PDB file of all heavy atoms in Angstrom:
ATOM      1  N   GLN A   1       0.837  -1.206   0.000  1.00  0.00           N
ATOM      2  CA  GLN A   1       0.000   0.000   0.000  1.00  0.00           C
ATOM      3  C   GLN A   1       0.871   1.256   0.000  1.00  0.00           C
ATOM      4  O   GLN A   1       1.529   1.565   0.995  1.00  0.00           O
ATOM      5  CB  GLN A   1      -0.904   0.014   1.234  1.00  0.00           C
ATOM      6  CG  GLN A   1      -1.730   1.286   1.395  1.00  0.00           C
ATOM      7  CD  GLN A   1      -2.722   1.471   0.263  1.00  0.00           C
ATOM      8  OE1 GLN A   1      -3.580   0.630   0.047  1.00  0.00           O
ATOM      9  NE2 GLN A   1      -2.588   2.569  -0.471  1.00  0.00           N
ATOM     10  N   PRO A   2       0.898   2.004  -1.118  1.00  0.00           N
ATOM     11  CA  PRO A   2       1.711   3.234  -1.125  1.00  0.00           C
ATOM     12  C   PRO A   2       1.087   4.320  -0.261  1.00  0.00           C
ATOM     13  O   PRO A   2      -0.095   4.605  -0.353  1.00  0.00           O
ATOM     14  CB  PRO A   2       1.721   3.635  -2.603  1.00  0.00           C
ATOM     15  CG  PRO A   2       0.486   3.028  -3.180  1.00  0.00           C
ATOM     16  CD  PRO A   2       0.238   1.762  -2.403  1.00  0.00           C
ATOM     17  N   ILE A   3       1.892   4.894   0.595  1.00  0.00           N
ATOM     18  CA  ILE A   3       1.486   6.034   1.413  1.00  0.00           C
ATOM     19  C   ILE A   3       2.383   7.193   1.008  1.00  0.00           C
ATOM     20  O   ILE A   3       3.579   7.198   1.267  1.00  0.00           O
ATOM     21  CB  ILE A   3       1.652   5.737   2.925  1.00  0.00           C
ATOM     22  CG1 ILE A   3       0.846   4.506   3.326  1.00  0.00           C
ATOM     23  CG2 ILE A   3       1.258   6.950   3.745  1.00  0.00           C
ATOM     24  CD1 ILE A   3      -0.664   4.665   3.189  1.00  0.00           C
ATOM     25  N   GLY A   4       1.795   8.184   0.314  1.00  0.00           N
ATOM     26  CA  GLY A   4       2.602   9.268  -0.211  1.00  0.00           C
ATOM     27  C   GLY A   4       3.288   8.861  -1.503  1.00  0.00           C
ATOM     28  O   GLY A   4       3.065   7.764  -2.028  1.00  0.00           O
ATOM     29  N   PRO A   5       4.185   9.697  -2.014  1.00  0.00           N
ATOM     30  CA  PRO A   5       4.911   9.390  -3.254  1.00  0.00           C
ATOM     31  C   PRO A   5       5.915   8.252  -3.042  1.00  0.00           C
ATOM     32  O   PRO A   5       6.244   7.911  -1.899  1.00  0.00           O
ATOM     33  CB  PRO A   5       5.609  10.711  -3.585  1.00  0.00           C
ATOM     34  CG  PRO A   5       5.718  11.424  -2.282  1.00  0.00           C
ATOM     35  CD  PRO A   5       4.507  11.040  -1.489  1.00  0.00           C
ATOM     36  N   PRO A   6       6.424   7.667  -4.144  1.00  0.00           N
ATOM     37  CA  PRO A   6       7.366   6.546  -4.017  1.00  0.00           C
ATOM     38  C   PRO A   6       8.568   6.837  -3.124  1.00  0.00           C
ATOM     39  O   PRO A   6       9.030   5.957  -2.390  1.00  0.00           O
ATOM     40  CB  PRO A   6       7.793   6.296  -5.473  1.00  0.00           C
ATOM     41  CG  PRO A   6       6.620   6.735  -6.288  1.00  0.00           C
ATOM     42  CD  PRO A   6       6.065   7.932  -5.551  1.00  0.00           C
ATOM     43  N   ALA A   7       9.086   8.056  -3.183  1.00  0.00           N
ATOM     44  CA  ALA A   7      10.261   8.393  -2.363  1.00  0.00           C
ATOM     45  C   ALA A   7       9.980   8.227  -0.876  1.00  0.00           C
ATOM     46  O   ALA A   7      10.869   7.831  -0.100  1.00  0.00           O
ATOM     47  CB  ALA A   7      10.711   9.826  -2.649  1.00  0.00           C
ATOM     48  N   ILE A   8       8.757   8.527  -0.470  1.00  0.00           N
ATOM     49  CA  ILE A   8       8.372   8.358   0.936  1.00  0.00           C
ATOM     50  C   ILE A   8       8.405   6.876   1.313  1.00  0.00           C
ATOM     51  O   ILE A   8       8.886   6.503   2.391  1.00  0.00           O
ATOM     52  CB  ILE A   8       6.966   8.935   1.183  1.00  0.00           C
ATOM     53  CG1 ILE A   8       6.976  10.459   1.048  1.00  0.00           C
ATOM     54  CG2 ILE A   8       6.447   8.533   2.571  1.00  0.00           C
ATOM     55  CD1 ILE A   8       7.771  11.175   2.096  1.00  0.00           C
ATOM     56  N   MET A   9       7.899   6.020   0.421  1.00  0.00           N
ATOM     57  CA  MET A   9       7.891   4.584   0.703  1.00  0.00           C
ATOM     58  C   MET A   9       9.304   4.023   0.733  1.00  0.00           C
ATOM     59  O   MET A   9       9.617   3.168   1.572  1.00  0.00           O
ATOM     60  CB  MET A   9       7.046   3.856  -0.338  1.00  0.00           C
ATOM     61  CG  MET A   9       5.552   4.117  -0.224  1.00  0.00           C
ATOM     62  SD  MET A   9       4.853   3.621   1.380  1.00  0.00           S
ATOM     63  CE  MET A   9       5.138   1.839   1.351  1.00  0.00           C
ATOM     64  N   VAL A  10      10.162   4.480  -0.165  1.00  0.00           N
ATOM     65  CA  VAL A  10      11.555   4.027  -0.158  1.00  0.00           C
ATOM     66  C   VAL A  10      12.214   4.375   1.174  1.00  0.00           C
ATOM     67  O   VAL A  10      12.895   3.549   1.804  1.00  0.00           O
ATOM     68  CB  VAL A  10      12.345   4.652  -1.329  1.00  0.00           C
ATOM     69  CG1 VAL A  10      13.842   4.369  -1.184  1.00  0.00           C
ATOM     70  CG2 VAL A  10      11.830   4.115  -2.654  1.00  0.00           C
ATOM     71  N   GLU A  11      12.017   5.621   1.608  1.00  0.00           N
ATOM     72  CA  GLU A  11      12.593   6.061   2.887  1.00  0.00           C
ATOM     73  C   GLU A  11      12.039   5.249   4.042  1.00  0.00           C
ATOM     74  O   GLU A  11      12.783   4.826   4.947  1.00  0.00           O
ATOM     75  CB  GLU A  11      12.290   7.538   3.087  1.00  0.00           C
ATOM     76  CG  GLU A  11      12.839   8.106   4.406  1.00  0.00           C
ATOM     77  CD  GLU A  11      12.377   9.528   4.656  1.00  0.00           C
ATOM     78  OE1 GLU A  11      11.195   9.829   4.398  1.00  0.00           O
ATOM     79  OE2 GLU A  11      13.193  10.337   5.128  1.00  0.00           O
ATOM     80  N   GLN A  12      10.728   4.986   4.030  1.00  0.00           N
ATOM     81  CA  GLN A  12      10.111   4.259   5.124  1.00  0.00           C
ATOM     82  C   GLN A  12      10.591   2.810   5.183  1.00  0.00           C
ATOM     83  O   GLN A  12      10.913   2.289   6.255  1.00  0.00           O
ATOM     84  CB  GLN A  12       8.585   4.280   4.970  1.00  0.00           C
ATOM     85  CG  GLN A  12       7.836   3.468   6.024  1.00  0.00           C
ATOM     86  CD  GLN A  12       8.070   3.961   7.433  1.00  0.00           C
ATOM     87  OE1 GLN A  12       7.523   4.959   7.838  1.00  0.00           O
ATOM     88  NE2 GLN A  12       8.896   3.260   8.199  1.00  0.00           N
ATOM     89  N   LEU A  13      10.644   2.146   4.045  1.00  0.00           N
ATOM     90  CA  LEU A  13      11.078   0.750   4.026  1.00  0.00           C
ATOM     91  C   LEU A  13      12.557   0.635   4.381  1.00  0.00           C
ATOM     92  O   LEU A  13      12.959  -0.316   5.069  1.00  0.00           O
ATOM     93  CB  LEU A  13      10.788   0.142   2.658  1.00  0.00           C
ATOM     94  CG  LEU A  13       9.288   0.002   2.346  1.00  0.00           C
ATOM     95  CD1 LEU A  13       9.078  -0.346   0.884  1.00  0.00           C
ATOM     96  CD2 LEU A  13       8.645  -1.047   3.250  1.00  0.00           C
ATOM     97  N   ALA A  14      13.348   1.597   3.959  1.00  0.00           N
ATOM     98  CA  ALA A  14      14.760   1.608   4.347  1.00  0.00           C
ATOM     99  C   ALA A  14      14.892   1.763   5.859  1.00  0.00           C
ATOM    100  O   ALA A  14      15.762   1.140   6.498  1.00  0.00           O
ATOM    101  CB  ALA A  14      15.493   2.737   3.631  1.00  0.00           C
ATOM    102  N   HIS A  15      14.017   2.573   6.447  1.00  0.00           N
ATOM    103  CA  HIS A  15      14.038   2.761   7.901  1.00  0.00           C
ATOM    104  C   HIS A  15      13.680   1.461   8.619  1.00  0.00           C
ATOM    105  O   HIS A  15      14.295   1.112   9.637  1.00  0.00           O
ATOM    106  CB  HIS A  15      13.069   3.872   8.294  1.00  0.00           C
ATOM    107  CG  HIS A  15      12.986   4.117   9.761  1.00  0.00           C
ATOM    108  ND1 HIS A  15      14.057   4.561  10.512  1.00  0.00           N
ATOM    109  CD2 HIS A  15      11.950   3.979  10.645  1.00  0.00           C
ATOM    110  CE1 HIS A  15      13.696   4.693  11.775  1.00  0.00           C
ATOM    111  NE2 HIS A  15      12.423   4.337  11.877  1.00  0.00           N
ATOM    112  N   LEU A  16      12.692   0.734   8.103  1.00  0.00           N
ATOM    113  CA  LEU A  16      12.325  -0.547   8.718  1.00  0.00           C
ATOM    114  C   LEU A  16      13.490  -1.530   8.663  1.00  0.00           C
ATOM    115  O   LEU A  16      13.746  -2.259   9.627  1.00  0.00           O
ATOM    116  CB  LEU A  16      11.109  -1.144   8.015  1.00  0.00           C
ATOM    117  CG  LEU A  16       9.752  -0.476   8.270  1.00  0.00           C
ATOM    118  CD1 LEU A  16       8.672  -1.144   7.432  1.00  0.00           C
ATOM    119  CD2 LEU A  16       9.391  -0.529   9.747  1.00  0.00           C
ATOM    120  N   ILE A  17      14.188  -1.550   7.530  1.00  0.00           N
ATOM    121  CA  ILE A  17      15.350  -2.437   7.400  1.00  0.00           C
ATOM    122  C   ILE A  17      16.429  -2.040   8.391  1.00  0.00           C
ATOM    123  O   ILE A  17      17.023  -2.886   9.073  1.00  0.00           O
ATOM    124  CB  ILE A  17      15.883  -2.389   5.961  1.00  0.00           C
ATOM    125  CG1 ILE A  17      14.862  -3.000   4.994  1.00  0.00           C
ATOM    126  CG2 ILE A  17      17.220  -3.121   5.862  1.00  0.00           C
ATOM    127  CD1 ILE A  17      15.194  -2.781   3.529  1.00  0.00           C
ATOM    128  N   GLU A  18      16.688  -0.734   8.483  1.00  0.00           N
ATOM    129  CA  GLU A  18      17.741  -0.238   9.376  1.00  0.00           C
ATOM    130  C   GLU A  18      17.412  -0.510  10.838  1.00  0.00           C
ATOM    131  O   GLU A  18      18.259  -0.996  11.595  1.00  0.00           O
ATOM    132  CB  GLU A  18      17.934   1.257   9.157  1.00  0.00           C
ATOM    133  CG  GLU A  18      19.013   1.876  10.043  1.00  0.00           C
ATOM    134  CD  GLU A  18      19.161   3.372   9.830  1.00  0.00           C
ATOM    135  OE1 GLU A  18      18.402   3.934   9.029  1.00  0.00           O
ATOM    136  OE2 GLU A  18      20.044   3.976  10.476  1.00  0.00           O
ATOM    137  N   ILE A  19      16.181  -0.220  11.226  1.00  0.00           N
ATOM    138  CA  ILE A  19      15.832  -0.385  12.643  1.00  0.00           C
ATOM    139  C   ILE A  19      15.767  -1.863  13.008  1.00  0.00           C
ATOM    140  O   ILE A  19      15.995  -2.252  14.153  1.00  0.00           O
ATOM    141  CB  ILE A  19      14.498   0.336  12.961  1.00  0.00           C
ATOM    142  CG1 ILE A  19      14.452   0.697  14.450  1.00  0.00           C
ATOM    143  CG2 ILE A  19      13.284  -0.506  12.576  1.00  0.00           C
ATOM    144  CD1 ILE A  19      13.373   1.687  14.793  1.00  0.00           C
ATOM    145  N   GLY A  20      15.468  -2.715  12.000  1.00  0.00           N
ATOM    146  CA  GLY A  20      15.444  -4.151  12.252  1.00  0.00           C
ATOM    147  C   GLY A  20      16.814  -4.743  12.512  1.00  0.00           C
ATOM    148  O   GLY A  20      16.919  -5.895  12.953  1.00  0.00           O
ATOM    149  N   GLU A  21      17.863  -3.981  12.233  1.00  0.00           N
ATOM    150  CA  GLU A  21      19.229  -4.443  12.484  1.00  0.00           C
ATOM    151  C   GLU A  21      19.674  -4.186  13.921  1.00  0.00           C
ATOM    152  O   GLU A  21      20.721  -4.686  14.348  1.00  0.00           O
ATOM    153  CB  GLU A  21      20.189  -3.754  11.515  1.00  0.00           C
ATOM    154  CG  GLU A  21      19.957  -4.147  10.059  1.00  0.00           C
ATOM    155  CD  GLU A  21      20.882  -3.408   9.114  1.00  0.00           C
ATOM    156  OE1 GLU A  21      21.517  -2.427   9.554  1.00  0.00           O
ATOM    157  OE2 GLU A  21      20.971  -3.815   7.939  1.00  0.00           O
ATOM    158  N   LEU A  22      18.902  -3.391  14.662  1.00  0.00           N
ATOM    159  CA  LEU A  22      19.256  -3.159  16.062  1.00  0.00           C
ATOM    160  C   LEU A  22      19.151  -4.463  16.838  1.00  0.00           C
ATOM    161  O   LEU A  22      18.270  -5.295  16.562  1.00  0.00           O
ATOM    162  CB  LEU A  22      18.321  -2.104  16.675  1.00  0.00           C
ATOM    163  CG  LEU A  22      18.407  -0.698  16.084  1.00  0.00           C
ATOM    164  CD1 LEU A  22      17.335   0.204  16.675  1.00  0.00           C
ATOM    165  CD2 LEU A  22      19.789  -0.104  16.320  1.00  0.00           C
ATOM    166  N   PRO A  23      20.029  -4.689  17.803  1.00  0.00           N
ATOM    167  CA  PRO A  23      20.058  -5.982  18.504  1.00  0.00           C
ATOM    168  C   PRO A  23      18.774  -6.331  19.243  1.00  0.00           C
ATOM    169  O   PRO A  23      18.456  -7.506  19.406  1.00  0.00           O
ATOM    170  CB  PRO A  23      21.237  -5.826  19.479  1.00  0.00           C
ATOM    171  CG  PRO A  23      21.464  -4.350  19.592  1.00  0.00           C
ATOM    172  CD  PRO A  23      21.082  -3.772  18.273  1.00  0.00           C
ATOM    173  N   ASN A  24      18.024  -5.339  19.691  1.00  0.00           N
ATOM    174  CA  ASN A  24      16.808  -5.607  20.462  1.00  0.00           C
ATOM    175  C   ASN A  24      15.533  -5.554  19.626  1.00  0.00           C
ATOM    176  O   ASN A  24      14.438  -5.639  20.172  1.00  0.00           O
ATOM    177  CB  ASN A  24      16.665  -4.595  21.612  1.00  0.00           C
ATOM    178  CG  ASN A  24      17.661  -4.854  22.721  1.00  0.00           C
ATOM    179  OD1 ASN A  24      18.418  -5.807  22.673  1.00  0.00           O
ATOM    180  ND2 ASN A  24      17.668  -3.998  23.720  1.00  0.00           N
ATOM    181  N   VAL A  25      15.688  -5.397  18.301  1.00  0.00           N
ATOM    182  CA  VAL A  25      14.518  -5.187  17.445  1.00  0.00           C
ATOM    183  C   VAL A  25      14.422  -6.268  16.373  1.00  0.00           C
ATOM    184  O   VAL A  25      15.423  -6.622  15.752  1.00  0.00           O
ATOM    185  CB  VAL A  25      14.568  -3.798  16.768  1.00  0.00           C
ATOM    186  CG1 VAL A  25      13.344  -3.587  15.882  1.00  0.00           C
ATOM    187  CG2 VAL A  25      14.661  -2.689  17.818  1.00  0.00           C
ATOM    188  N   SER A  26      13.220  -6.779  16.176  1.00  0.00           N
ATOM    189  CA  SER A  26      12.976  -7.695  15.060  1.00  0.00           C
ATOM    190  C   SER A  26      11.754  -7.219  14.284  1.00  0.00           C
ATOM    191  O   SER A  26      10.764  -6.800  14.874  1.00  0.00           O
ATOM    192  CB  SER A  26      12.755  -9.135  15.553  1.00  0.00           C
ATOM    193  OG  SER A  26      11.517  -9.256  16.227  1.00  0.00           O
ATOM    194  N   VAL A  27      11.861  -7.260  12.960  1.00  0.00           N
ATOM    195  CA  VAL A  27      10.762  -6.883  12.072  1.00  0.00           C
ATOM    196  C   VAL A  27      10.488  -8.063  11.152  1.00  0.00           C
ATOM    197  O   VAL A  27      11.364  -8.473  10.390  1.00  0.00           O
ATOM    198  CB  VAL A  27      11.096  -5.625  11.238  1.00  0.00           C
ATOM    199  CG1 VAL A  27       9.933  -5.280  10.318  1.00  0.00           C
ATOM    200  CG2 VAL A  27      11.428  -4.444  12.149  1.00  0.00           C
ATOM    201  N   ARG A  28       9.272  -8.599  11.234  1.00  0.00           N
ATOM    202  CA  ARG A  28       8.915  -9.766  10.434  1.00  0.00           C
ATOM    203  C   ARG A  28       7.650  -9.486   9.639  1.00  0.00           C
ATOM    204  O   ARG A  28       6.793  -8.721  10.079  1.00  0.00           O
ATOM    205  CB  ARG A  28       8.734 -10.993  11.335  1.00  0.00           C
ATOM    206  CG  ARG A  28      10.007 -11.384  12.091  1.00  0.00           C
ATOM    207  CD  ARG A  28       9.716 -12.417  13.154  1.00  0.00           C
ATOM    208  NE  ARG A  28       9.101 -13.591  12.558  1.00  0.00           N
ATOM    209  CZ  ARG A  28       8.328 -14.436  13.244  1.00  0.00           C
ATOM    210  NH1 ARG A  28       8.071 -14.219  14.519  1.00  0.00           N
ATOM    211  NH2 ARG A  28       7.814 -15.490  12.643  1.00  0.00           N
ATOM    212  N   VAL A  29       7.551 -10.121   8.488  1.00  0.00           N
ATOM    213  CA  VAL A  29       6.441  -9.875   7.567  1.00  0.00           C
ATOM    214  C   VAL A  29       5.568 -11.125   7.463  1.00  0.00           C
ATOM    215  O   VAL A  29       6.077 -12.238   7.317  1.00  0.00           O
ATOM    216  CB  VAL A  29       6.966  -9.495   6.171  1.00  0.00           C
ATOM    217  CG1 VAL A  29       5.800  -9.299   5.201  1.00  0.00           C
ATOM    218  CG2 VAL A  29       7.827  -8.230   6.243  1.00  0.00           C
ATOM    219  N   LEU A  30       4.263 -10.906   7.539  1.00  0.00           N
ATOM    220  CA  LEU A  30       3.306 -11.978   7.265  1.00  0.00           C
ATOM    221  C   LEU A  30       3.025 -11.954   5.769  1.00  0.00           C
ATOM    222  O   LEU A  30       2.447 -10.999   5.246  1.00  0.00           O
ATOM    223  CB  LEU A  30       2.015 -11.772   8.055  1.00  0.00           C
ATOM    224  CG  LEU A  30       0.986 -12.893   7.918  1.00  0.00           C
ATOM    225  CD1 LEU A  30       1.473 -14.153   8.626  1.00  0.00           C
ATOM    226  CD2 LEU A  30      -0.360 -12.474   8.475  1.00  0.00           C
ATOM    227  N   GLU A  31       3.452 -12.989   5.083  1.00  0.00           N
ATOM    228  CA  GLU A  31       3.353 -13.005   3.630  1.00  0.00           C
ATOM    229  C   GLU A  31       1.918 -13.200   3.150  1.00  0.00           C
ATOM    230  O   GLU A  31       1.063 -13.742   3.857  1.00  0.00           O
ATOM    231  CB  GLU A  31       4.237 -14.107   3.065  1.00  0.00           C
ATOM    232  CG  GLU A  31       5.715 -13.904   3.374  1.00  0.00           C
ATOM    233  CD  GLU A  31       6.584 -15.017   2.842  1.00  0.00           C
ATOM    234  OE1 GLU A  31       6.972 -14.941   1.659  1.00  0.00           O
ATOM    235  OE2 GLU A  31       6.851 -15.962   3.601  1.00  0.00           O
ATOM    236  N   ARG A  32       1.688 -12.795   1.923  1.00  0.00           N
ATOM    237  CA  ARG A  32       0.361 -12.904   1.322  1.00  0.00           C
ATOM    238  C   ARG A  32      -0.124 -14.356   1.313  1.00  0.00           C
ATOM    239  O   ARG A  32      -1.315 -14.631   1.493  1.00  0.00           O
ATOM    240  CB  ARG A  32       0.396 -12.349  -0.102  1.00  0.00           C
ATOM    241  CG  ARG A  32      -0.939 -12.344  -0.812  1.00  0.00           C
ATOM    242  CD  ARG A  32      -0.844 -11.602  -2.124  1.00  0.00           C
ATOM    243  NE  ARG A  32      -2.129 -11.452  -2.762  1.00  0.00           N
ATOM    244  CZ  ARG A  32      -2.368 -10.688  -3.815  1.00  0.00           C
ATOM    245  NH1 ARG A  32      -1.372  -9.983  -4.349  1.00  0.00           N
ATOM    246  NH2 ARG A  32      -3.570 -10.615  -4.335  1.00  0.00           N
TER     247      ARG A  32
END
């Protein structure tokens, strides 16, 4: 689901990847 222009989504997804690298953080996706 795009929220805002593509650049906003790129920045947001990059942030999720980055924050998921923190030792106390896990980000997991429920696939379709």
